[in-house]
Amino acid sequence: MFSDLENHWAKSSILALRERSLVRGYPDGKFRPQASLTRAEFASLMCGAFPQAKPVREPISFSDVPRSHWAFESIQTATKKQFF
């Protein structure tokens, strides 16, 4: 379990997402439920939650997302599926 969820109002929902392998948390064992969701995290979550969504456009290249970024493929996929 994530060490920073003990009394958080969304604990059960977050743990349900974790059981479905949709969220992983951070290497320090925390989830950081009060933190803003990054574009990379959102892309990863949406691609995992809706894998059957069909691409509807060409991907968008973001100048701040190099190919070496951990979420490069998820961000590309999310733009093709028009999640953002």
Protein backbone atom coordinates (compact mmCIF):
# COMPACT_ATOMS: atom_id res chain seq x y z
CA MET A 1 0.00 0.00 0.00
CA PHE A 2 1.07 3.59 -0.49
CA SER A 3 2.44 5.09 2.72
CA ASP A 4 0.63 8.43 2.31
CA LEU A 5 -2.95 7.16 1.86
CA GLU A 6 -3.82 6.03 5.37
CA ASN A 7 -6.58 8.59 6.00
CA HIS A 8 -7.09 9.95 2.51
CA TRP A 9 -10.70 10.20 1.28
CA ALA A 10 -9.86 8.51 -2.06
CA LYS A 11 -7.84 5.63 -0.62
CA SER A 12 -10.21 2.86 -1.76
CA SER A 13 -10.46 4.25 -5.30
CA ILE A 14 -6.70 4.66 -5.60
CA LEU A 15 -6.11 1.13 -4.36
CA ALA A 16 -8.69 -0.18 -6.85
CA LEU A 17 -6.76 1.54 -9.66
CA ARG A 18 -3.57 -0.02 -8.33
CA GLU A 19 -5.16 -3.49 -8.36
CA ARG A 20 -5.95 -2.97 -12.05
CA SER A 21 -2.32 -1.87 -12.65
CA LEU A 22 -3.49 1.57 -13.79
CA VAL A 23 -1.41 3.45 -11.20
CA ARG A 24 1.92 2.56 -9.65
CA GLY A 25 2.84 5.41 -7.36
CA TYR A 26 6.35 6.71 -6.89
CA PRO A 27 9.60 4.87 -6.13
CA ASP A 28 9.53 6.17 -2.54
CA GLY A 29 6.36 4.16 -1.84
CA LYS A 30 4.05 7.16 -1.92
CA PHE A 31 1.11 8.00 -4.17
CA ARG A 32 1.07 11.77 -3.54
CA PRO A 33 -2.73 12.11 -3.75
CA GLN A 34 -2.66 15.90 -3.36
CA ALA A 35 -0.19 16.43 -6.20
CA SER A 36 -1.29 17.64 -9.61
CA LEU A 37 -1.52 14.98 -12.29
CA THR A 38 1.12 15.49 -14.97
CA ARG A 39 0.47 15.16 -18.69
CA ALA A 40 2.61 12.01 -18.68
CA GLU A 41 0.69 10.46 -15.79
CA PHE A 42 -2.66 11.35 -17.39
CA ALA A 43 -1.59 9.86 -20.73
CA SER A 44 -0.44 6.65 -19.05
CA LEU A 45 -3.67 6.38 -17.04
CA MET A 46 -5.95 7.01 -20.03
CA CYS A 47 -4.10 4.58 -22.29
CA GLY A 48 -4.31 1.91 -19.61
CA ALA A 49 -7.98 2.56 -18.85
CA PHE A 50 -9.11 2.70 -22.49
CA PRO A 51 -6.82 0.42 -24.50
CA GLN A 52 -9.51 -0.28 -27.11
CA ALA A 53 -9.98 3.40 -28.04
CA LYS A 54 -9.20 3.90 -31.71
CA PRO A 55 -6.69 6.46 -33.00
CA VAL A 56 -8.46 9.38 -34.68
CA ARG A 57 -5.60 11.70 -35.61
CA GLU A 58 -1.85 11.92 -36.08
CA PRO A 59 0.22 12.22 -32.88
CA ILE A 60 1.36 15.60 -31.64
CA SER A 61 5.06 16.15 -31.04
CA PHE A 62 5.73 18.02 -27.82
CA SER A 63 9.09 19.80 -27.71
CA ASP A 64 9.42 19.06 -23.99
CA VAL A 65 8.93 15.28 -24.35
CA PRO A 66 12.03 13.57 -25.76
CA ARG A 67 11.88 10.00 -27.05
CA SER A 68 13.77 8.95 -23.92
CA HIS A 69 10.96 10.17 -21.60
CA TRP A 70 9.32 7.31 -19.67
CA ALA A 71 5.86 8.25 -21.02
CA PHE A 72 6.79 9.17 -24.60
CA GLU A 73 4.80 6.29 -26.13
CA SER A 74 1.81 6.88 -23.86
CA ILE A 75 1.76 10.58 -24.72
CA GLN A 76 1.95 9.79 -28.43
CA THR A 77 -0.85 7.25 -28.10
CA ALA A 78 -2.99 9.61 -26.02
CA THR A 79 -2.73 12.34 -28.65
CA LYS A 80 -3.63 9.87 -31.44
CA LYS A 81 -6.68 8.77 -29.44
CA GLN A 82 -7.54 12.43 -28.74
CA PHE A 83 -7.47 12.07 -24.96
CA PHE A 84 -6.01 15.58 -24.99
